[in-house]
Protein backbone atom coordinates (compact mmCIF):
# COMPACT_ATOMS: atom_id res chain seq x y z
CA MET A 1 -26.48 -17.89 -7.67
CA LEU A 2 -24.09 -17.18 -9.15
CA VAL A 3 -22.24 -13.89 -8.61
CA PHE A 4 -17.95 -12.95 -10.27
CA PHE A 5 -17.48 -9.01 -9.97
CA LYS A 6 -14.41 -7.67 -10.74
CA LYS A 7 -12.18 -5.98 -7.97
CA THR A 8 -8.89 -4.31 -8.09
CA ILE A 9 -6.62 -3.71 -5.62
CA SER A 10 -3.76 -1.22 -5.17
CA PHE A 11 -0.35 -2.48 -4.85
CA ASP A 12 0.63 -0.70 -2.01
CA THR A 13 -1.53 -2.72 -0.27
CA ILE A 14 -0.76 -5.75 -0.99
CA GLU A 15 -0.15 -7.67 2.48
CA LYS A 16 0.72 -11.27 1.98
CA ILE A 17 0.32 -13.80 -1.37
CA GLU A 18 -0.51 -17.52 -1.17
CA GLU A 19 -2.02 -19.98 -3.63
CA THR A 20 -4.40 -21.97 -3.44
CA GLU A 21 -6.99 -24.49 -4.46
CA LYS A 22 -10.13 -22.68 -3.07
CA GLY A 23 -12.31 -20.94 -4.83
CA PHE A 24 -13.88 -21.29 -7.73
CA ASN A 25 -13.17 -23.85 -10.43
CA PHE A 26 -16.15 -23.47 -12.98
CA PHE A 27 -15.07 -20.11 -14.47
CA ALA A 28 -11.81 -20.18 -13.86
CA LEU A 29 -8.88 -18.43 -16.08
CA ALA A 30 -5.92 -21.01 -14.08
CA ASN A 31 -6.16 -23.68 -12.51
CA SER A 32 -4.53 -22.38 -9.28
CA LYS A 33 -5.86 -19.54 -7.44
CA LEU A 34 -4.32 -16.56 -5.44
CA LYS A 35 -5.58 -15.59 -1.85
CA ILE A 36 -4.27 -12.22 -1.74
CA THR A 37 -4.53 -10.46 1.80
CA SER A 38 -5.21 -6.97 1.43
CA LYS A 39 -6.31 -3.82 4.20
CA GLY A 40 -6.86 -7.34 6.52
CA LYS A 41 -9.00 -9.09 3.30
CA ASN A 42 -8.85 -11.71 2.01
CA TYR A 43 -9.89 -11.74 -1.97
CA ILE A 44 -9.05 -15.34 -4.14
CA PHE A 45 -8.10 -14.46 -8.20
CA SER A 46 -7.63 -16.41 -11.08
CA ILE A 47 -4.62 -15.13 -13.09
CA LYS A 48 -4.61 -15.88 -16.63
CA GLU A 49 -0.28 -15.35 -16.21
CA LYS A 50 0.01 -16.21 -12.68
CA ASP A 51 4.13 -16.85 -12.93
CA ILE A 52 4.47 -13.13 -14.14
CA PHE A 53 1.81 -11.84 -11.93
CA LEU A 54 4.60 -13.22 -8.50
CA GLU A 55 7.77 -12.70 -9.77
CA LYS A 56 6.89 -8.72 -11.04
CA VAL A 57 5.03 -8.81 -7.70
CA GLY A 58 8.43 -10.38 -6.02
CA ASP A 59 10.89 -7.98 -7.63
CA TYR A 60 9.34 -4.96 -5.38
CA LYS A 61 7.02 -7.00 -2.30
CA SER A 62 8.71 -10.11 -1.89
CA ASP A 63 8.18 -9.91 1.44
CA VAL A 64 5.09 -10.68 0.48
CA ILE A 65 4.74 -14.11 -1.18
CA LYS A 66 4.26 -17.19 0.88
CA GLU A 67 4.81 -20.75 -0.32
């Protein structure tokens, strides 16, 4: 059984963002995914406008984006 769900993470709780190829590709909105760590837990997100998202996060929390 394949389960997809929508998860919302508070901007203030983001600890780390990394690009990753892990996660499900079947219904992905984007080719690459972001692994976002929040409150000690890791989540894999497929973000359609990834570059814009990273730019906006970087404007406020540049220390969380890892390359």
